[in-house]
């Protein structure tokens, strides 16, 4: 038998499936983010190590803020990640340069707002993967292009003719 208590003290329904080898597998669906208490009983006695604790998190609640359009090669680049609605889970990021080398990154900021600093040294497409609990988040990797800030930018300036020029 298994008893699961949710992060807000609620009882959570558990389905138990008997396996052909005689083992049992329990399954439950977390109702909210937070820590869950899982008590496993055999002959109405807790098994060794019980209760167990697990954290439920919501990877879809991760929000990327201040995402640059492009990266500037040879310069510090920043993006921010808001984890405030995700839950208590390990966060990591992996940035892969066009050559396949993994780019070092550093984190700054508070517990739930992470400011990520990276300095690309190669031009071209950099693949950025955000991970929670060691698992890549759906929709990853995203790609940002590292450009050379020293290359000139062309711009077209248009001025309308003055009324006097129109009559000449």
N, C-alpha and C. Protein backbone atom coordinates (compact mmCIF):
# COMPACT_ATOMS: atom_id res chain seq x y z
N UNK A 1 0.85 -1.17 0.00
CA UNK A 1 0.00 0.00 0.00
C UNK A 1 0.89 1.24 0.00
N UNK A 2 0.44 2.30 -0.63
CA UNK A 2 1.18 3.55 -0.69
C UNK A 2 0.26 4.70 -0.32
N UNK A 3 0.77 5.61 0.49
CA UNK A 3 0.04 6.82 0.87
C UNK A 3 0.87 8.02 0.43
N UNK A 4 0.25 8.90 -0.32
CA UNK A 4 0.95 10.10 -0.80
C UNK A 4 0.23 11.32 -0.25
N UNK A 5 1.02 12.22 0.34
CA UNK A 5 0.50 13.48 0.85
C UNK A 5 1.10 14.60 0.02
N UNK A 6 0.24 15.46 -0.51
CA UNK A 6 0.68 16.54 -1.38
C UNK A 6 1.34 17.68 -0.66
N UNK A 7 1.82 18.62 -1.44
CA UNK A 7 2.58 19.76 -0.91
C UNK A 7 1.74 20.67 -0.02
N UNK A 8 0.41 20.56 -0.12
CA UNK A 8 -0.48 21.40 0.70
C UNK A 8 -1.21 20.56 1.75
N UNK A 9 -0.69 19.34 1.99
CA UNK A 9 -1.28 18.47 3.00
C UNK A 9 -2.42 17.60 2.50
N UNK A 10 -2.74 17.68 1.22
CA UNK A 10 -3.85 16.91 0.67
C UNK A 10 -3.44 15.46 0.40
N UNK A 11 -4.41 14.54 0.51
CA UNK A 11 -4.19 13.15 0.13
C UNK A 11 -4.25 13.04 -1.38
N UNK A 12 -3.30 12.31 -1.94
CA UNK A 12 -3.22 12.15 -3.39
C UNK A 12 -3.49 10.69 -3.73
N UNK A 13 -4.35 10.48 -4.70
CA UNK A 13 -4.71 9.14 -5.13
C UNK A 13 -3.51 8.44 -5.78
N UNK A 14 -3.32 7.15 -5.40
CA UNK A 14 -2.21 6.35 -5.94
C UNK A 14 -2.81 5.10 -6.58
N UNK A 15 -2.36 4.80 -7.80
CA UNK A 15 -2.73 3.55 -8.46
C UNK A 15 -1.57 2.57 -8.29
N UNK A 16 -1.89 1.36 -7.85
CA UNK A 16 -0.88 0.32 -7.65
C UNK A 16 -1.07 -0.73 -8.74
N UNK A 17 0.03 -1.06 -9.41
CA UNK A 17 0.02 -2.08 -10.46
C UNK A 17 0.92 -3.23 -10.05
N UNK A 18 0.34 -4.43 -10.02
CA UNK A 18 1.12 -5.63 -9.72
C UNK A 18 1.88 -6.05 -10.98
N UNK A 19 3.16 -6.36 -10.80
CA UNK A 19 4.01 -6.77 -11.92
C UNK A 19 4.07 -8.30 -11.99
N UNK A 20 4.35 -8.86 -13.16
CA UNK A 20 4.42 -10.33 -13.29
C UNK A 20 5.44 -10.97 -12.34
N UNK A 21 6.49 -10.24 -11.97
CA UNK A 21 7.50 -10.83 -11.08
C UNK A 21 7.13 -10.73 -9.60
N UNK A 22 5.93 -10.17 -9.31
CA UNK A 22 5.47 -10.06 -7.92
C UNK A 22 5.70 -8.70 -7.30
N UNK A 23 6.51 -7.85 -7.93
CA UNK A 23 6.71 -6.48 -7.43
C UNK A 23 5.47 -5.64 -7.71
N UNK A 24 5.40 -4.51 -7.05
CA UNK A 24 4.31 -3.56 -7.28
C UNK A 24 4.90 -2.23 -7.71
N UNK A 25 4.16 -1.52 -8.56
CA UNK A 25 4.55 -0.19 -9.01
C UNK A 25 3.40 0.75 -8.67
N UNK A 26 3.73 1.87 -8.02
CA UNK A 26 2.72 2.87 -7.70
C UNK A 26 2.86 4.08 -8.60
N UNK A 27 1.72 4.68 -8.92
CA UNK A 27 1.71 5.85 -9.80
C UNK A 27 0.75 6.88 -9.26
N UNK A 28 1.19 8.15 -9.24
CA UNK A 28 0.30 9.23 -8.84
C UNK A 28 0.62 10.46 -9.67
N UNK A 29 -0.34 11.36 -9.75
CA UNK A 29 -0.18 12.61 -10.49
C UNK A 29 -0.16 13.76 -9.49
N UNK A 30 0.97 14.49 -9.42
CA UNK A 30 1.03 15.64 -8.52
C UNK A 30 0.00 16.69 -8.94
N UNK A 31 -0.64 17.31 -7.95
CA UNK A 31 -1.67 18.31 -8.23
C UNK A 31 -1.12 19.73 -8.24
N UNK A 32 0.06 19.93 -7.64
CA UNK A 32 0.69 21.25 -7.61
C UNK A 32 2.19 21.07 -7.41
N UNK A 33 2.95 22.14 -7.61
CA UNK A 33 4.38 22.05 -7.36
C UNK A 33 4.62 21.98 -5.86
N UNK A 34 5.75 21.41 -5.49
CA UNK A 34 6.11 21.33 -4.08
C UNK A 34 6.55 19.93 -3.69
N UNK A 35 6.80 19.75 -2.41
CA UNK A 35 7.29 18.48 -1.91
C UNK A 35 6.14 17.53 -1.57
N UNK A 36 6.30 16.27 -1.96
CA UNK A 36 5.31 15.22 -1.69
C UNK A 36 5.92 14.18 -0.77
N UNK A 37 5.11 13.72 0.17
CA UNK A 37 5.52 12.68 1.12
C UNK A 37 4.92 11.36 0.64
N UNK A 38 5.80 10.38 0.44
CA UNK A 38 5.36 9.07 -0.08
C UNK A 38 5.69 8.01 0.97
N UNK A 39 4.63 7.42 1.51
CA UNK A 39 4.80 6.39 2.53
C UNK A 39 4.43 5.04 1.91
N UNK A 40 5.37 4.11 1.97
CA UNK A 40 5.16 2.77 1.41
C UNK A 40 5.02 1.79 2.58
N UNK A 41 3.92 1.05 2.58
CA UNK A 41 3.65 0.09 3.66
C UNK A 41 3.61 -1.33 3.10
N UNK A 42 4.15 -2.25 3.89
CA UNK A 42 4.04 -3.68 3.59
C UNK A 42 3.57 -4.35 4.87
N UNK A 43 2.46 -5.06 4.79
CA UNK A 43 1.83 -5.66 5.98
C UNK A 43 1.57 -4.59 7.03
N UNK A 44 1.10 -3.42 6.55
CA UNK A 44 0.77 -2.26 7.39
C UNK A 44 1.97 -1.70 8.17
N UNK A 45 3.18 -2.02 7.76
CA UNK A 45 4.39 -1.49 8.37
C UNK A 45 5.19 -0.73 7.31
N UNK A 46 5.78 0.43 7.67
CA UNK A 46 6.59 1.18 6.70
C UNK A 46 7.80 0.36 6.25
N UNK A 47 8.07 0.37 4.95
CA UNK A 47 9.28 -0.30 4.45
C UNK A 47 10.48 0.54 4.86
N UNK A 48 11.67 -0.04 4.80
CA UNK A 48 12.89 0.65 5.19
C UNK A 48 13.06 1.92 4.34
N UNK A 49 13.28 3.04 5.01
CA UNK A 49 13.48 4.32 4.33
C UNK A 49 12.21 5.14 4.19
N UNK A 50 11.06 4.52 4.40
CA UNK A 50 9.78 5.22 4.26
C UNK A 50 9.56 6.09 5.49
N UNK A 51 9.07 7.30 5.34
CA UNK A 51 8.55 7.89 4.11
C UNK A 51 9.66 8.45 3.22
N UNK A 52 9.36 8.52 1.93
CA UNK A 52 10.24 9.10 0.93
C UNK A 52 9.66 10.47 0.55
N UNK A 53 10.51 11.34 0.03
CA UNK A 53 10.07 12.68 -0.35
C UNK A 53 10.49 12.95 -1.80
N UNK A 54 9.60 13.58 -2.53
CA UNK A 54 9.89 13.94 -3.92
C UNK A 54 9.34 15.34 -4.19
N UNK A 55 10.04 16.08 -5.01
CA UNK A 55 9.60 17.42 -5.39
C UNK A 55 8.92 17.37 -6.75
N UNK A 56 7.74 17.95 -6.83
CA UNK A 56 7.04 18.10 -8.11
C UNK A 56 7.32 19.50 -8.63
N UNK A 57 7.58 19.59 -9.92
CA UNK A 57 7.86 20.89 -10.54
C UNK A 57 7.14 20.97 -11.87
N UNK A 58 7.04 22.19 -12.40
CA UNK A 58 6.33 22.41 -13.67
C UNK A 58 7.28 23.05 -14.68
N UNK A 59 7.86 22.25 -15.59
CA UNK A 59 8.81 22.81 -16.55
C UNK A 59 8.18 23.82 -17.51
N UNK A 60 6.86 23.74 -17.72
CA UNK A 60 6.19 24.68 -18.62
C UNK A 60 6.10 26.08 -18.02
N UNK A 61 6.32 26.21 -16.71
CA UNK A 61 6.23 27.51 -16.06
C UNK A 61 7.53 28.31 -16.15
N UNK A 62 8.59 27.71 -16.69
CA UNK A 62 9.85 28.43 -16.85
C UNK A 62 9.66 29.53 -17.88
N UNK A 63 10.16 30.71 -17.56
CA UNK A 63 10.00 31.86 -18.44
C UNK A 63 11.37 32.47 -18.75
N UNK A 64 11.67 32.61 -20.04
CA UNK A 64 12.89 33.28 -20.46
C UNK A 64 12.55 34.75 -20.67
N UNK A 65 13.27 35.63 -19.98
CA UNK A 65 13.04 37.07 -20.12
C UNK A 65 14.34 37.72 -20.60
N UNK A 66 14.20 38.87 -21.24
CA UNK A 66 15.35 39.61 -21.75
C UNK A 66 16.24 38.77 -22.66
N UNK A 67 15.61 38.04 -23.58
CA UNK A 67 16.35 37.23 -24.53
C UNK A 67 16.89 38.14 -25.64
N UNK A 68 18.21 38.12 -25.87
CA UNK A 68 18.73 38.96 -26.96
C UNK A 68 18.33 38.39 -28.32
N UNK A 69 18.27 39.26 -29.31
CA UNK A 69 17.96 38.82 -30.68
C UNK A 69 19.14 38.04 -31.24
N UNK A 70 20.34 38.57 -31.00
CA UNK A 70 21.59 37.94 -31.43
C UNK A 70 22.57 38.01 -30.26
N UNK A 71 23.62 37.21 -30.35
CA UNK A 71 24.73 37.29 -29.42
C UNK A 71 25.85 38.09 -30.07
N UNK A 72 26.62 38.79 -29.29
CA UNK A 72 27.76 39.53 -29.81
C UNK A 72 29.02 38.74 -29.46
N UNK A 73 29.73 38.27 -30.49
CA UNK A 73 30.94 37.49 -30.27
C UNK A 73 32.00 38.33 -29.58
N UNK A 74 32.70 37.75 -28.62
CA UNK A 74 33.76 38.43 -27.90
C UNK A 74 33.28 39.36 -26.81
N UNK A 75 31.98 39.44 -26.57
CA UNK A 75 31.41 40.33 -25.56
C UNK A 75 30.55 39.53 -24.58
N UNK A 76 30.33 40.13 -23.41
CA UNK A 76 29.41 39.52 -22.45
C UNK A 76 27.99 39.64 -22.98
N UNK A 77 27.27 38.56 -22.94
CA UNK A 77 25.86 38.52 -23.33
C UNK A 77 25.08 37.98 -22.15
N UNK A 78 23.86 38.47 -21.98
CA UNK A 78 23.04 38.06 -20.84
C UNK A 78 21.65 37.67 -21.30
N UNK A 79 21.08 36.69 -20.63
CA UNK A 79 19.66 36.41 -20.72
C UNK A 79 19.21 36.05 -19.32
N UNK A 80 17.93 36.20 -19.05
CA UNK A 80 17.41 35.92 -17.72
C UNK A 80 16.34 34.84 -17.79
N UNK A 81 16.29 34.05 -16.74
CA UNK A 81 15.30 32.99 -16.62
C UNK A 81 14.56 33.18 -15.31
N UNK A 82 13.22 33.17 -15.38
CA UNK A 82 12.38 33.28 -14.19
C UNK A 82 11.89 31.88 -13.83
N UNK A 83 12.29 31.41 -12.66
CA UNK A 83 11.92 30.07 -12.19
C UNK A 83 10.92 30.12 -11.04
N UNK A 84 10.32 31.29 -10.79
CA UNK A 84 9.50 31.47 -9.59
C UNK A 84 8.27 30.57 -9.54
N UNK A 85 7.75 30.15 -10.69
CA UNK A 85 6.55 29.29 -10.70
C UNK A 85 6.87 27.84 -11.06
N UNK A 86 8.16 27.52 -11.18
CA UNK A 86 8.57 26.18 -11.61
C UNK A 86 8.54 25.18 -10.45
N UNK A 87 9.03 25.59 -9.29
CA UNK A 87 9.15 24.68 -8.16
C UNK A 87 10.61 24.54 -7.77
N UNK A 88 10.85 23.79 -6.73
CA UNK A 88 12.20 23.61 -6.21
C UNK A 88 12.88 22.47 -6.96
N UNK A 89 13.70 22.84 -7.95
CA UNK A 89 14.34 21.85 -8.80
C UNK A 89 15.67 22.42 -9.31
N UNK A 90 16.62 21.54 -9.57
CA UNK A 90 17.91 21.98 -10.11
C UNK A 90 17.72 22.53 -11.51
N UNK A 91 18.39 23.66 -11.78
CA UNK A 91 18.34 24.31 -13.08
C UNK A 91 19.75 24.33 -13.65
N UNK A 92 19.85 24.09 -14.96
CA UNK A 92 21.15 24.18 -15.62
C UNK A 92 20.93 24.65 -17.05
N UNK A 93 22.01 25.09 -17.67
CA UNK A 93 21.97 25.55 -19.04
C UNK A 93 23.21 25.00 -19.74
N UNK A 94 23.04 24.67 -21.01
CA UNK A 94 24.15 24.19 -21.82
C UNK A 94 24.13 24.99 -23.12
N UNK A 95 25.26 25.61 -23.46
CA UNK A 95 25.38 26.39 -24.69
C UNK A 95 26.45 25.72 -25.55
N UNK A 96 26.06 25.33 -26.76
CA UNK A 96 26.98 24.65 -27.67
C UNK A 96 27.28 25.57 -28.84
N UNK A 97 28.57 25.85 -29.05
CA UNK A 97 29.03 26.72 -30.12
C UNK A 97 28.96 25.98 -31.46
N UNK A 98 29.09 26.69 -32.58
CA UNK A 98 29.04 26.04 -33.90
C UNK A 98 30.05 24.90 -34.07
N UNK A 99 31.19 24.99 -33.40
CA UNK A 99 32.23 23.94 -33.50
C UNK A 99 31.87 22.69 -32.70
N UNK A 100 30.85 22.78 -31.85
CA UNK A 100 30.49 21.67 -30.97
C UNK A 100 31.04 21.83 -29.56
N UNK A 101 31.89 22.84 -29.35
CA UNK A 101 32.41 23.09 -28.01
C UNK A 101 31.31 23.64 -27.11
N UNK A 102 31.36 23.22 -25.84
CA UNK A 102 30.41 23.72 -24.85
C UNK A 102 30.96 25.01 -24.27
N UNK A 103 30.16 26.04 -24.31
CA UNK A 103 30.56 27.37 -23.85
C UNK A 103 30.35 27.48 -22.35
N UNK A 104 31.33 27.98 -21.60
CA UNK A 104 31.10 28.18 -20.15
C UNK A 104 30.09 29.30 -19.92
N UNK A 105 29.26 29.13 -18.90
CA UNK A 105 28.28 30.13 -18.52
C UNK A 105 28.37 30.33 -17.01
N UNK A 106 27.93 31.50 -16.56
CA UNK A 106 27.84 31.74 -15.12
C UNK A 106 26.44 32.25 -14.81
N UNK A 107 26.01 32.00 -13.57
CA UNK A 107 24.70 32.44 -13.10
C UNK A 107 24.90 33.55 -12.08
N UNK A 108 24.03 34.53 -12.15
CA UNK A 108 23.98 35.58 -11.14
C UNK A 108 22.52 35.73 -10.75
N UNK A 109 22.28 36.38 -9.62
CA UNK A 109 20.90 36.70 -9.29
C UNK A 109 20.37 35.97 -8.10
N UNK A 110 19.08 36.18 -7.89
CA UNK A 110 18.37 35.64 -6.74
C UNK A 110 18.04 34.17 -6.95
N UNK A 111 17.31 33.61 -6.00
CA UNK A 111 16.97 32.20 -6.05
C UNK A 111 16.15 31.83 -7.29
N UNK A 112 15.19 32.67 -7.66
CA UNK A 112 14.29 32.30 -8.74
C UNK A 112 14.53 33.07 -10.04
N UNK A 113 15.27 34.17 -9.98
CA UNK A 113 15.60 34.91 -11.19
C UNK A 113 17.08 34.70 -11.44
N UNK A 114 17.40 34.00 -12.51
CA UNK A 114 18.79 33.70 -12.84
C UNK A 114 19.21 34.55 -14.03
N UNK A 115 20.26 35.32 -13.85
CA UNK A 115 20.86 36.08 -14.93
C UNK A 115 22.02 35.23 -15.44
N UNK A 116 21.96 34.87 -16.70
CA UNK A 116 22.95 33.97 -17.28
C UNK A 116 23.91 34.79 -18.14
N UNK A 117 25.19 34.63 -17.87
CA UNK A 117 26.24 35.36 -18.59
C UNK A 117 27.01 34.39 -19.45
N UNK A 118 27.21 34.75 -20.72
CA UNK A 118 28.02 33.94 -21.62
C UNK A 118 28.79 34.85 -22.57
N UNK A 119 29.95 34.37 -22.99
CA UNK A 119 30.80 35.13 -23.91
C UNK A 119 31.15 34.21 -25.08
N UNK A 120 30.38 34.30 -26.17
CA UNK A 120 30.71 33.46 -27.34
C UNK A 120 31.98 33.96 -28.01
N UNK A 121 32.83 33.03 -28.45
CA UNK A 121 34.05 33.43 -29.15
C UNK A 121 34.00 33.07 -30.62
N UNK A 122 32.99 32.29 -31.00
CA UNK A 122 32.83 31.90 -32.40
C UNK A 122 31.63 32.63 -32.99
N UNK A 123 31.70 32.90 -34.29
CA UNK A 123 30.56 33.44 -35.01
C UNK A 123 29.65 32.28 -35.41
N UNK A 124 28.36 32.56 -35.52
CA UNK A 124 27.43 31.55 -36.00
C UNK A 124 26.42 31.11 -34.96
N UNK A 125 25.71 30.05 -35.30
CA UNK A 125 24.58 29.56 -34.50
C UNK A 125 25.05 28.85 -33.23
N UNK A 126 24.55 29.31 -32.10
CA UNK A 126 24.82 28.70 -30.79
C UNK A 126 23.52 28.08 -30.29
N UNK A 127 23.57 26.79 -29.92
CA UNK A 127 22.40 26.07 -29.42
C UNK A 127 22.36 26.16 -27.90
N UNK A 128 21.23 26.66 -27.38
CA UNK A 128 21.07 26.86 -25.94
C UNK A 128 19.98 25.92 -25.43
N UNK A 129 20.37 25.07 -24.47
CA UNK A 129 19.42 24.14 -23.86
C UNK A 129 19.26 24.48 -22.39
N UNK A 130 18.02 24.63 -21.96
CA UNK A 130 17.71 24.83 -20.55
C UNK A 130 17.24 23.50 -19.99
N UNK A 131 17.72 23.15 -18.79
CA UNK A 131 17.40 21.85 -18.20
C UNK A 131 16.92 22.00 -16.77
N UNK A 132 15.94 21.20 -16.42
CA UNK A 132 15.43 21.10 -15.05
C UNK A 132 15.62 19.65 -14.61
N UNK A 133 16.18 19.47 -13.43
CA UNK A 133 16.44 18.13 -12.89
C UNK A 133 17.18 17.26 -13.90
N UNK A 134 18.09 17.87 -14.65
CA UNK A 134 18.90 17.13 -15.61
C UNK A 134 18.20 16.79 -16.91
N UNK A 135 16.95 17.19 -17.07
CA UNK A 135 16.18 16.88 -18.27
C UNK A 135 15.99 18.14 -19.11
N UNK A 136 16.26 18.01 -20.41
CA UNK A 136 16.06 19.15 -21.31
C UNK A 136 14.58 19.50 -21.39
N UNK A 137 14.29 20.78 -21.35
CA UNK A 137 12.92 21.28 -21.41
C UNK A 137 12.40 21.18 -22.83
N UNK A 138 11.11 20.86 -22.99
CA UNK A 138 10.50 20.82 -24.32
C UNK A 138 10.71 22.14 -25.03
N UNK A 139 10.92 22.08 -26.33
CA UNK A 139 11.13 23.29 -27.12
C UNK A 139 12.59 23.69 -27.19
N UNK A 140 13.46 22.93 -26.55
CA UNK A 140 14.89 23.22 -26.56
C UNK A 140 15.57 22.28 -27.54
N UNK A 141 16.70 22.62 -28.08
CA UNK A 141 17.42 23.85 -27.83
C UNK A 141 16.85 25.01 -28.66
N UNK A 142 17.15 26.22 -28.18
CA UNK A 142 16.88 27.41 -28.98
C UNK A 142 18.21 27.82 -29.60
N UNK A 143 18.14 28.53 -30.70
CA UNK A 143 19.36 28.92 -31.39
C UNK A 143 19.46 30.44 -31.45
N UNK A 144 20.62 30.94 -31.05
CA UNK A 144 20.93 32.36 -31.18
C UNK A 144 22.21 32.48 -32.00
N UNK A 145 22.22 33.45 -32.90
CA UNK A 145 23.35 33.66 -33.79
C UNK A 145 24.34 34.63 -33.16
N UNK A 146 25.60 34.26 -33.09
CA UNK A 146 26.65 35.16 -32.62
C UNK A 146 27.19 35.92 -33.82
N UNK A 147 27.17 37.24 -33.71
CA UNK A 147 27.62 38.10 -34.81
C UNK A 147 28.84 38.90 -34.36
N UNK A 148 29.53 39.46 -35.32
CA UNK A 148 30.70 40.29 -35.05
C UNK A 148 30.24 41.73 -34.95
N UNK A 149 30.41 42.32 -33.79
CA UNK A 149 29.93 43.70 -33.59
C UNK A 149 30.79 44.71 -34.33
N UNK A 150 31.95 44.30 -34.80
CA UNK A 150 32.83 45.24 -35.50
C UNK A 150 32.46 45.40 -36.96
N UNK A 151 31.62 44.50 -37.48
CA UNK A 151 31.23 44.63 -38.88
C UNK A 151 30.32 45.84 -39.03
N UNK A 152 30.51 46.61 -40.08
CA UNK A 152 29.66 47.79 -40.24
C UNK A 152 28.22 47.41 -40.53
N UNK A 153 27.34 48.20 -40.03
CA UNK A 153 25.92 48.03 -40.30
C UNK A 153 25.53 49.05 -41.36
N UNK A 154 24.82 48.63 -42.37
CA UNK A 154 24.36 49.55 -43.40
C UNK A 154 22.97 50.03 -43.04
N UNK A 155 22.73 51.31 -43.25
CA UNK A 155 21.38 51.80 -43.04
C UNK A 155 21.05 52.75 -44.19
N UNK A 156 19.83 52.79 -44.55
CA UNK A 156 19.36 53.63 -45.65
C UNK A 156 18.62 54.80 -45.02
N UNK A 157 19.03 55.98 -45.39
CA UNK A 157 18.39 57.18 -44.87
C UNK A 157 17.60 57.80 -46.01
N UNK A 158 16.34 58.00 -45.78
CA UNK A 158 15.49 58.59 -46.80
C UNK A 158 14.96 59.91 -46.28
N UNK A 159 15.12 60.94 -47.09
CA UNK A 159 14.52 62.23 -46.74
C UNK A 159 13.60 62.63 -47.88
N UNK A 160 12.50 63.16 -47.54
CA UNK A 160 11.56 63.59 -48.58
C UNK A 160 12.07 64.89 -49.18
N UNK A 161 11.81 65.11 -50.47
CA UNK A 161 12.25 66.34 -51.10
C UNK A 161 11.51 67.53 -50.49
N UNK A 162 12.22 68.65 -50.43
CA UNK A 162 11.58 69.85 -49.92
C UNK A 162 10.61 70.36 -50.97
N UNK A 163 9.61 71.14 -50.59
CA UNK A 163 8.64 71.66 -51.57
C UNK A 163 9.34 72.46 -52.67
N UNK A 164 10.40 73.14 -52.34
CA UNK A 164 11.11 73.93 -53.33
C UNK A 164 11.74 73.02 -54.38
N UNK A 165 12.34 71.86 -53.95
CA UNK A 165 12.95 70.93 -54.89
C UNK A 165 11.92 70.32 -55.82
N UNK A 166 10.73 70.14 -55.35
CA UNK A 166 9.68 69.51 -56.16
C UNK A 166 9.29 70.38 -57.34
N UNK A 167 9.45 71.68 -57.25
CA UNK A 167 9.04 72.56 -58.34
C UNK A 167 10.16 72.81 -59.33
N UNK A 168 11.36 72.44 -59.06
CA UNK A 168 12.47 72.76 -59.98
C UNK A 168 12.66 71.71 -61.02
